[in-house]
Amino acid sequence: MDLHDAKWRKSSRSNSGGYCVEVAVTPAVIGVRDTKDRAAGHFTTDHVRWNEFLTAVKAGRYSR
C-alpha cells in the first residue's frame, strides 16, 4: 500500500537518539517505519491487529 502522502508521526516521548518508529494511520491500514531509514520502506497492519498489539504492550507482555 502506498503511504507516500500519509501523515507520519512519532511519539512525543521519543528522544533524539534515533531509536524511533513513526506511525501513519489511514482509514484502511496502519503503517509503521523506522525513523533512521525511512527510505527502507514500511510495514502495514490492519486496525484490529494494531489495537491488539497496543493492548499487549500496555499490559507489559513485551517487557524485558
N, C-alpha and C. Protein backbone atom coordinates (compact mmCIF):
# COMPACT_ATOMS: atom_id res chain seq x y z
N MET A 1 0.84 -1.18 0.00
CA MET A 1 0.00 0.00 0.00
C MET A 1 0.89 1.24 0.00
N ASP A 2 0.52 2.20 -0.80
CA ASP A 2 1.28 3.44 -0.91
C ASP A 2 0.88 4.40 0.20
N LEU A 3 1.82 4.72 1.07
CA LEU A 3 1.58 5.67 2.15
C LEU A 3 2.42 6.93 1.96
N HIS A 4 2.81 7.19 0.71
CA HIS A 4 3.67 8.34 0.41
C HIS A 4 3.08 9.65 0.91
N ASP A 5 1.78 9.84 0.76
CA ASP A 5 1.14 11.09 1.16
C ASP A 5 0.54 11.03 2.56
N ALA A 6 0.77 9.94 3.27
CA ALA A 6 0.21 9.80 4.62
C ALA A 6 0.90 10.74 5.60
N LYS A 7 0.22 11.08 6.66
CA LYS A 7 0.80 11.91 7.71
C LYS A 7 1.47 10.99 8.73
N TRP A 8 2.79 11.00 8.75
CA TRP A 8 3.57 10.17 9.67
C TRP A 8 3.83 10.95 10.95
N ARG A 9 3.79 10.25 12.07
CA ARG A 9 4.08 10.91 13.35
C ARG A 9 4.84 9.95 14.25
N LYS A 10 5.58 10.52 15.20
CA LYS A 10 6.27 9.70 16.19
C LYS A 10 5.87 10.19 17.57
N SER A 11 6.14 9.38 18.55
CA SER A 11 5.74 9.69 19.92
C SER A 11 6.42 10.96 20.42
N SER A 12 5.70 11.72 21.20
CA SER A 12 6.29 12.90 21.83
C SER A 12 7.31 12.49 22.88
N ARG A 13 7.32 11.22 23.26
CA ARG A 13 8.29 10.71 24.24
C ARG A 13 9.59 10.27 23.58
N SER A 14 9.64 10.31 22.27
CA SER A 14 10.86 9.94 21.54
C SER A 14 11.95 10.96 21.82
N ASN A 15 13.18 10.47 21.84
CA ASN A 15 14.29 11.39 22.02
C ASN A 15 15.06 11.50 20.71
N SER A 16 16.18 12.15 20.73
CA SER A 16 16.95 12.35 19.50
C SER A 16 17.97 11.24 19.27
N GLY A 17 17.86 10.14 20.00
CA GLY A 17 18.81 9.04 19.87
C GLY A 17 18.67 8.22 18.61
N GLY A 18 17.58 8.40 17.89
CA GLY A 18 17.42 7.68 16.63
C GLY A 18 16.78 6.32 16.74
N TYR A 19 16.30 5.96 17.91
CA TYR A 19 15.67 4.66 18.09
C TYR A 19 14.15 4.83 18.12
N CYS A 20 13.61 5.33 17.03
CA CYS A 20 12.19 5.67 17.00
C CYS A 20 11.51 5.02 15.80
N VAL A 21 10.23 4.87 15.92
CA VAL A 21 9.40 4.48 14.79
C VAL A 21 8.37 5.56 14.57
N GLU A 22 7.89 5.65 13.35
CA GLU A 22 6.81 6.55 13.02
C GLU A 22 5.60 5.72 12.61
N VAL A 23 4.43 6.28 12.86
CA VAL A 23 3.19 5.59 12.55
C VAL A 23 2.33 6.50 11.68
N ALA A 24 1.70 5.91 10.67
CA ALA A 24 0.73 6.62 9.84
C ALA A 24 -0.59 5.87 9.94
N VAL A 25 -1.63 6.58 10.32
CA VAL A 25 -2.95 5.97 10.45
C VAL A 25 -3.80 6.42 9.27
N THR A 26 -4.32 5.45 8.53
CA THR A 26 -5.23 5.73 7.43
C THR A 26 -6.53 4.98 7.70
N PRO A 27 -7.58 5.26 6.96
CA PRO A 27 -8.82 4.52 7.17
C PRO A 27 -8.67 3.02 6.94
N ALA A 28 -7.75 2.62 6.07
CA ALA A 28 -7.61 1.21 5.72
C ALA A 28 -6.56 0.47 6.54
N VAL A 29 -5.42 1.10 6.82
CA VAL A 29 -4.30 0.40 7.46
C VAL A 29 -3.54 1.33 8.39
N ILE A 30 -2.65 0.71 9.17
CA ILE A 30 -1.67 1.42 9.98
C ILE A 30 -0.31 1.12 9.36
N GLY A 31 0.48 2.16 9.11
CA GLY A 31 1.83 1.98 8.59
C GLY A 31 2.84 2.27 9.69
N VAL A 32 3.93 1.52 9.69
CA VAL A 32 5.00 1.70 10.68
C VAL A 32 6.33 1.69 9.95
N ARG A 33 7.21 2.65 10.29
CA ARG A 33 8.53 2.70 9.67
C ARG A 33 9.57 3.19 10.67
N ASP A 34 10.82 2.91 10.36
CA ASP A 34 11.97 3.29 11.18
C ASP A 34 12.40 4.71 10.82
N THR A 35 12.54 5.57 11.81
CA THR A 35 12.94 6.95 11.54
C THR A 35 14.38 7.05 11.05
N LYS A 36 15.21 6.06 11.35
CA LYS A 36 16.61 6.10 10.91
C LYS A 36 16.75 5.81 9.43
N ASP A 37 15.76 5.10 8.86
CA ASP A 37 15.87 4.71 7.46
C ASP A 37 14.50 4.71 6.80
N ARG A 38 13.94 5.87 6.66
CA ARG A 38 12.59 6.00 6.08
C ARG A 38 12.53 5.44 4.66
N ALA A 39 13.62 5.54 3.93
CA ALA A 39 13.65 5.07 2.55
C ALA A 39 13.58 3.54 2.46
N ALA A 40 13.83 2.85 3.56
CA ALA A 40 13.79 1.39 3.56
C ALA A 40 12.37 0.85 3.45
N GLY A 41 11.40 1.71 3.60
CA GLY A 41 10.02 1.27 3.47
C GLY A 41 9.31 1.19 4.81
N HIS A 42 8.18 0.53 4.79
CA HIS A 42 7.34 0.44 5.98
C HIS A 42 6.61 -0.90 5.95
N PHE A 43 6.01 -1.24 7.06
CA PHE A 43 5.09 -2.38 7.04
C PHE A 43 3.71 -1.86 7.41
N THR A 44 2.71 -2.61 7.01
CA THR A 44 1.34 -2.22 7.32
C THR A 44 0.63 -3.34 8.06
N THR A 45 -0.35 -2.96 8.82
CA THR A 45 -1.20 -3.90 9.52
C THR A 45 -2.61 -3.32 9.57
N ASP A 46 -3.57 -4.16 9.86
CA ASP A 46 -4.94 -3.63 9.95
C ASP A 46 -5.19 -3.07 11.34
N HIS A 47 -6.28 -2.38 11.48
CA HIS A 47 -6.60 -1.70 12.75
C HIS A 47 -6.81 -2.69 13.90
N VAL A 48 -7.41 -3.83 13.62
CA VAL A 48 -7.67 -4.82 14.68
C VAL A 48 -6.35 -5.33 15.24
N ARG A 49 -5.45 -5.75 14.38
CA ARG A 49 -4.16 -6.28 14.85
C ARG A 49 -3.32 -5.20 15.54
N TRP A 50 -3.38 -3.98 15.04
CA TRP A 50 -2.65 -2.87 15.67
C TRP A 50 -3.16 -2.65 17.09
N ASN A 51 -4.47 -2.64 17.26
CA ASN A 51 -5.04 -2.46 18.60
C ASN A 51 -4.69 -3.62 19.52
N GLU A 52 -4.65 -4.85 18.99
CA GLU A 52 -4.21 -6.00 19.79
C GLU A 52 -2.77 -5.82 20.24
N PHE A 53 -1.92 -5.36 19.34
CA PHE A 53 -0.51 -5.12 19.67
C PHE A 53 -0.39 -4.06 20.77
N LEU A 54 -1.08 -2.94 20.62
CA LEU A 54 -1.02 -1.88 21.63
C LEU A 54 -1.52 -2.36 22.99
N THR A 55 -2.57 -3.15 22.99
CA THR A 55 -3.10 -3.71 24.24
C THR A 55 -2.05 -4.59 24.91
N ALA A 56 -1.35 -5.41 24.13
CA ALA A 56 -0.31 -6.29 24.67
C ALA A 56 0.86 -5.48 25.23
N VAL A 57 1.25 -4.43 24.53
CA VAL A 57 2.34 -3.57 25.02
C VAL A 57 1.96 -2.93 26.34
N LYS A 58 0.76 -2.38 26.39
CA LYS A 58 0.30 -1.72 27.62
C LYS A 58 0.18 -2.69 28.78
N ALA A 59 -0.09 -3.96 28.48
CA ALA A 59 -0.21 -4.98 29.52
C ALA A 59 1.16 -5.51 29.97
N GLY A 60 2.23 -5.06 29.30
CA GLY A 60 3.58 -5.47 29.68
C GLY A 60 4.03 -6.79 29.09
N ARG A 61 3.35 -7.29 28.08
CA ARG A 61 3.72 -8.59 27.50
C ARG A 61 5.02 -8.55 26.72
N TYR A 62 5.51 -7.37 26.41
CA TYR A 62 6.78 -7.26 25.69
C TYR A 62 7.87 -6.62 26.53
N SER A 63 7.66 -6.58 27.83
CA SER A 63 8.68 -6.01 28.72
C SER A 63 9.88 -6.93 28.81
N ARG A 64 11.01 -6.34 29.05
CA ARG A 64 12.24 -7.14 29.19
C ARG A 64 12.32 -7.74 30.55
